[in-house]
């Protein structure tokens, strides 16, 4: 008597389909879990309240644009540390002196690495803040420059290569 080759039956097809879909679902769950753990989504506190105040935010930005202030920011090494250097100029290119800067250095991909930085006035419209132990990569500077009469909120994308 001759041996019959394995026949594919309905139970085999059902088992293969169930295994296939179980694998797809398991991989999707794993990817979704990794995605949520590495970036949980909302990174801005009170985003709903901020959305309600959006018209006020736009009016504030228009008023700041009318000032004509120009800002440049750079991230460079000074004595082995990361130094954020900001230069403030008015509409005519004159330095804005005696401004008070408050700022946060933010990591776009991980809010746990965000930090406040303190600027010192170097004179002639230039300001500097040191940031020790800065991880290499992209950073965002969110700052406010305030003089006795005017204020400007600004952002700058920076890159640090240790």
Protein backbone atom coordinates (compact mmCIF):
# COMPACT_ATOMS: atom_id res chain seq x y z
CA UNK A 1 0.00 0.00 0.00
CA UNK A 2 1.27 3.42 -1.00
CA UNK A 3 1.48 6.30 1.50
CA UNK A 4 -0.73 9.25 0.67
CA UNK A 5 0.81 12.69 0.76
CA UNK A 6 -0.51 14.99 3.48
CA UNK A 7 -3.84 16.35 2.46
CA UNK A 8 -4.81 19.91 3.29
CA UNK A 9 -8.05 19.84 5.14
CA UNK A 10 -10.36 22.56 6.41
CA UNK A 11 -8.84 22.33 9.90
CA UNK A 12 -5.38 23.05 8.45
CA UNK A 13 -6.60 26.12 6.58
CA UNK A 14 -8.43 27.39 9.68
CA UNK A 15 -5.34 26.90 11.87
CA UNK A 16 -3.10 28.71 9.35
CA UNK A 17 -5.51 31.66 9.11
CA UNK A 18 -5.85 31.91 12.89
CA UNK A 19 -2.05 31.82 13.32
CA UNK A 20 -1.59 34.47 10.63
CA UNK A 21 -4.10 36.87 12.17
CA UNK A 22 -2.80 36.21 15.70
CA UNK A 23 0.71 37.15 14.51
CA UNK A 24 -0.55 40.34 12.81
CA UNK A 25 -2.51 41.38 15.92
CA UNK A 26 0.44 40.62 18.25
CA UNK A 27 2.82 42.70 16.10
CA UNK A 28 0.34 45.61 15.93
CA UNK A 29 -0.13 45.57 19.72
CA UNK A 30 3.65 45.52 20.23
CA UNK A 31 4.19 48.47 17.86
CA UNK A 32 1.34 50.46 19.42
CA UNK A 33 2.73 49.84 22.92
CA UNK A 34 6.22 50.95 21.88
CA UNK A 35 4.84 54.05 20.16
CA UNK A 36 2.82 55.15 23.20
CA UNK A 37 5.70 54.54 25.61
CA UNK A 38 8.18 56.56 23.54
CA UNK A 39 5.82 59.46 22.74
CA UNK A 40 2.55 59.53 24.68
CA UNK A 41 1.03 62.23 22.48
CA UNK A 42 0.05 65.49 24.09
CA UNK A 43 3.18 67.34 25.11
CA UNK A 44 1.60 70.69 25.93
CA UNK A 45 -0.13 71.11 29.27
CA UNK A 46 -3.65 72.56 29.10
CA UNK A 47 -3.82 72.30 25.32
CA UNK A 48 -7.61 72.63 25.36
CA UNK A 49 -7.45 75.93 27.29
CA UNK A 50 -4.73 77.17 24.95
CA UNK A 51 -6.96 76.39 22.00
CA UNK A 52 -9.76 78.46 23.49
CA UNK A 53 -7.37 81.42 23.83
CA UNK A 54 -6.02 81.11 20.28
CA UNK A 55 -7.42 84.46 19.07
CA UNK A 56 -5.69 86.25 21.95
CA UNK A 57 -2.48 84.43 21.08
CA UNK A 58 -2.74 85.60 17.45
CA UNK A 59 -3.32 89.21 18.54
CA UNK A 60 -0.28 89.04 20.81
CA UNK A 61 1.85 87.69 17.94
CA UNK A 62 0.69 90.50 15.62
CA UNK A 63 1.65 93.08 18.25
CA UNK A 64 5.07 91.46 18.63
CA UNK A 65 5.59 91.40 14.85
CA UNK A 66 4.80 95.13 14.77
CA UNK A 67 7.82 95.72 17.05
CA UNK A 68 10.09 94.53 14.24
CA UNK A 69 12.56 92.86 16.58
CA UNK A 70 14.93 90.35 15.00
CA UNK A 71 16.32 87.42 16.94
CA UNK A 72 19.11 85.03 16.09
CA UNK A 73 20.02 82.05 18.27
CA UNK A 74 22.91 79.63 18.07
CA UNK A 75 24.17 76.67 20.08
CA UNK A 76 27.94 76.26 20.28
CA UNK A 77 30.62 74.84 22.53
CA UNK A 78 32.23 77.16 25.09
CA UNK A 79 34.78 75.60 27.47
CA UNK A 80 33.37 72.12 26.78
CA UNK A 81 29.80 73.13 27.59
CA UNK A 82 26.87 73.94 25.36
CA UNK A 83 26.29 77.68 25.18
CA UNK A 84 23.09 79.17 23.79
CA UNK A 85 23.79 82.56 22.31
CA UNK A 86 20.95 84.94 21.44
CA UNK A 87 21.26 88.25 19.65
CA UNK A 88 18.41 90.78 19.77
CA UNK A 89 18.09 93.64 17.27
CA UNK A 90 15.39 96.22 16.71
CA UNK A 91 13.73 97.13 13.42
CA UNK A 92 16.68 99.36 12.42
CA UNK A 93 19.34 96.78 13.33
CA UNK A 94 20.38 98.40 16.61
CA UNK A 95 21.06 96.06 19.54
CA UNK A 96 18.38 95.69 22.17
CA UNK A 97 20.18 96.23 25.45
CA UNK A 98 19.20 95.40 29.03
CA UNK A 99 16.57 92.85 28.10
CA UNK A 100 15.58 90.16 30.55
CA UNK A 101 15.43 86.72 28.92
CA UNK A 102 13.57 83.74 30.35
CA UNK A 103 13.79 80.53 28.40
CA UNK A 104 13.35 76.79 28.28
CA UNK A 105 15.45 74.41 26.22
CA UNK A 106 13.18 71.61 25.05
CA UNK A 107 13.86 68.24 23.50
CA UNK A 108 11.13 67.72 20.86
CA UNK A 109 11.10 63.95 21.37
CA UNK A 110 11.36 63.73 25.17
CA UNK A 111 9.85 66.27 27.55
CA UNK A 112 11.79 64.70 30.43
CA UNK A 113 14.98 66.31 29.09
CA UNK A 114 13.49 69.85 29.01
CA UNK A 115 15.22 72.41 31.19
CA UNK A 116 15.05 76.06 32.10
CA UNK A 117 18.09 78.14 31.15
CA UNK A 118 19.27 81.45 32.58
CA UNK A 119 20.75 84.08 30.30
CA UNK A 120 23.43 86.63 31.15
CA UNK A 121 23.78 89.90 29.28
CA UNK A 122 27.04 89.97 27.29
CA UNK A 123 26.34 93.51 26.10
CA UNK A 124 25.58 94.92 22.67
CA UNK A 125 22.32 92.98 22.38
CA UNK A 126 23.96 89.58 22.97
CA UNK A 127 22.88 87.15 25.67
CA UNK A 128 24.27 83.75 26.68
CA UNK A 129 23.12 80.74 28.71
CA UNK A 130 25.18 77.64 29.52
CA UNK A 131 23.62 74.17 29.43
CA UNK A 132 25.76 71.43 30.95
CA UNK A 133 25.41 67.74 30.02
CA UNK A 134 23.34 68.48 26.92
CA UNK A 135 22.52 65.36 24.90
CA UNK A 136 23.42 65.59 21.21
CA UNK A 137 20.62 66.15 18.74
CA UNK A 138 17.85 68.63 17.99
CA UNK A 139 16.62 71.09 20.62
CA UNK A 140 14.03 73.87 20.64
CA UNK A 141 14.61 77.14 22.47
CA UNK A 142 11.40 78.80 23.65
CA UNK A 143 12.12 82.19 25.14
CA UNK A 144 10.74 85.55 26.15
CA UNK A 145 12.77 88.75 25.91
CA UNK A 146 11.42 91.65 27.91
CA UNK A 147 12.51 95.26 28.15
CA UNK A 148 10.95 98.02 30.25
CA UNK A 149 8.40 98.76 27.53
CA UNK A 150 8.15 95.79 25.15
CA UNK A 151 8.31 92.00 25.09
CA UNK A 152 8.85 89.30 22.48
CA UNK A 153 8.19 85.55 22.59
CA UNK A 154 10.34 83.56 20.20
CA UNK A 155 11.39 80.04 19.31
CA UNK A 156 14.46 78.70 17.61
CA UNK A 157 15.41 75.19 16.52
CA UNK A 158 18.96 74.33 17.53
CA UNK A 159 21.24 71.37 16.96
CA UNK A 160 23.97 70.16 19.32
CA UNK A 161 26.83 67.94 18.24
CA UNK A 162 29.00 67.36 21.25
